[in-house]
Amino acid sequence: MIETAALTKRYGNTLAVDNLDLFIPAGEIYGLLGPNGAGTFVA
């Protein structure tokens, strides 16, 4: 299981994630894509 509430992440002045609430049950597969296409993971 992966869970986050109100997650915000900055790299210097660049806002990468803003106020993210996320719940992924164990055994589920999700893909998160950004501008460069990176970020797929298995939960």
N, C-alpha and C. Protein backbone atom coordinates (compact mmCIF):
# COMPACT_ATOMS: atom_id res chain seq x y z
N MET A 1 0.84 -1.17 0.00
CA MET A 1 0.00 0.00 0.00
C MET A 1 0.89 1.24 0.00
N ILE A 2 0.47 2.22 -0.76
CA ILE A 2 1.11 3.54 -0.77
C ILE A 2 0.03 4.56 -0.47
N GLU A 3 0.32 5.45 0.48
CA GLU A 3 -0.66 6.48 0.81
C GLU A 3 0.07 7.78 1.15
N THR A 4 -0.48 8.89 0.65
CA THR A 4 0.05 10.20 0.98
C THR A 4 -1.13 11.18 1.09
N ALA A 5 -0.94 12.20 1.90
CA ALA A 5 -1.97 13.22 2.07
C ALA A 5 -1.31 14.59 2.03
N ALA A 6 -1.81 15.45 1.17
CA ALA A 6 -1.34 16.84 1.05
C ALA A 6 0.17 16.93 0.78
N LEU A 7 0.69 16.04 -0.06
CA LEU A 7 2.11 16.03 -0.39
C LEU A 7 2.44 17.15 -1.37
N THR A 8 3.46 17.93 -1.04
CA THR A 8 3.97 18.98 -1.93
C THR A 8 5.48 18.81 -2.03
N LYS A 9 6.02 18.91 -3.25
CA LYS A 9 7.45 18.77 -3.47
C LYS A 9 7.93 19.84 -4.43
N ARG A 10 8.99 20.51 -4.03
CA ARG A 10 9.63 21.53 -4.87
C ARG A 10 11.09 21.16 -5.10
N TYR A 11 11.59 21.51 -6.25
CA TYR A 11 13.01 21.43 -6.58
C TYR A 11 13.44 22.85 -6.86
N GLY A 12 14.03 23.51 -5.87
CA GLY A 12 14.34 24.93 -6.02
C GLY A 12 13.05 25.71 -6.17
N ASN A 13 12.91 26.45 -7.26
CA ASN A 13 11.70 27.22 -7.53
C ASN A 13 10.65 26.45 -8.32
N THR A 14 10.98 25.21 -8.71
CA THR A 14 10.07 24.42 -9.54
C THR A 14 9.15 23.58 -8.67
N LEU A 15 7.85 23.78 -8.82
CA LEU A 15 6.86 22.99 -8.10
C LEU A 15 6.61 21.70 -8.87
N ALA A 16 6.96 20.56 -8.28
CA ALA A 16 6.82 19.28 -8.95
C ALA A 16 5.51 18.59 -8.60
N VAL A 17 5.09 18.68 -7.33
CA VAL A 17 3.85 18.06 -6.86
C VAL A 17 3.20 19.06 -5.92
N ASP A 18 1.89 19.26 -6.07
CA ASP A 18 1.20 20.26 -5.25
C ASP A 18 -0.04 19.66 -4.59
N ASN A 19 0.05 19.45 -3.28
CA ASN A 19 -1.10 19.03 -2.47
C ASN A 19 -1.71 17.71 -2.96
N LEU A 20 -0.89 16.70 -3.16
CA LEU A 20 -1.33 15.40 -3.69
C LEU A 20 -1.87 14.50 -2.59
N ASP A 21 -3.09 14.01 -2.75
CA ASP A 21 -3.66 12.96 -1.93
C ASP A 21 -3.71 11.71 -2.81
N LEU A 22 -3.15 10.61 -2.31
CA LEU A 22 -3.05 9.41 -3.13
C LEU A 22 -3.15 8.17 -2.25
N PHE A 23 -3.93 7.21 -2.69
CA PHE A 23 -4.02 5.92 -2.01
C PHE A 23 -3.99 4.83 -3.08
N ILE A 24 -3.03 3.93 -2.96
CA ILE A 24 -2.91 2.81 -3.88
C ILE A 24 -2.89 1.53 -3.05
N PRO A 25 -3.91 0.69 -3.20
CA PRO A 25 -3.95 -0.56 -2.43
C PRO A 25 -2.82 -1.51 -2.83
N ALA A 26 -2.44 -2.37 -1.91
CA ALA A 26 -1.40 -3.38 -2.19
C ALA A 26 -1.80 -4.22 -3.39
N GLY A 27 -0.85 -4.51 -4.26
CA GLY A 27 -1.09 -5.35 -5.42
C GLY A 27 -1.56 -4.61 -6.66
N GLU A 28 -1.88 -3.32 -6.54
CA GLU A 28 -2.32 -2.54 -7.70
C GLU A 28 -1.12 -2.00 -8.47
N ILE A 29 -1.30 -1.79 -9.75
CA ILE A 29 -0.24 -1.24 -10.60
C ILE A 29 -0.73 0.09 -11.17
N TYR A 30 0.05 1.13 -10.97
CA TYR A 30 -0.29 2.47 -11.46
C TYR A 30 0.91 3.04 -12.18
N GLY A 31 0.66 3.93 -13.11
CA GLY A 31 1.73 4.66 -13.77
C GLY A 31 1.53 6.15 -13.57
N LEU A 32 2.56 6.84 -13.19
CA LEU A 32 2.54 8.29 -13.05
C LEU A 32 3.50 8.86 -14.08
N LEU A 33 3.00 9.72 -14.95
CA LEU A 33 3.82 10.25 -16.03
C LEU A 33 4.00 11.74 -15.87
N GLY A 34 5.22 12.19 -16.07
CA GLY A 34 5.53 13.61 -16.06
C GLY A 34 5.91 14.05 -17.46
N PRO A 35 6.40 15.27 -17.58
CA PRO A 35 6.76 15.82 -18.89
C PRO A 35 7.79 14.97 -19.65
N ASN A 36 8.66 14.26 -18.94
CA ASN A 36 9.68 13.46 -19.63
C ASN A 36 9.25 12.00 -19.78
N GLY A 37 8.04 11.65 -19.29
CA GLY A 37 7.55 10.28 -19.42
C GLY A 37 8.04 9.33 -18.35
N ALA A 38 8.82 9.79 -17.39
CA ALA A 38 9.34 8.93 -16.33
C ALA A 38 8.34 8.81 -15.20
N GLY A 39 8.50 7.78 -14.38
CA GLY A 39 7.75 7.71 -13.15
C GLY A 39 6.86 6.49 -12.96
N THR A 40 6.93 5.48 -13.78
CA THR A 40 6.09 4.29 -13.58
C THR A 40 6.61 3.49 -12.40
N PHE A 41 5.68 3.00 -11.57
CA PHE A 41 6.07 2.17 -10.45
C PHE A 41 5.01 1.11 -10.20
N VAL A 42 5.37 0.09 -9.46
CA VAL A 42 4.44 -0.98 -9.07
C VAL A 42 4.27 -0.92 -7.58
N ALA A 43 3.03 -0.91 -7.12
CA ALA A 43 2.76 -0.86 -5.68
C ALA A 43 2.37 -2.22 -5.20
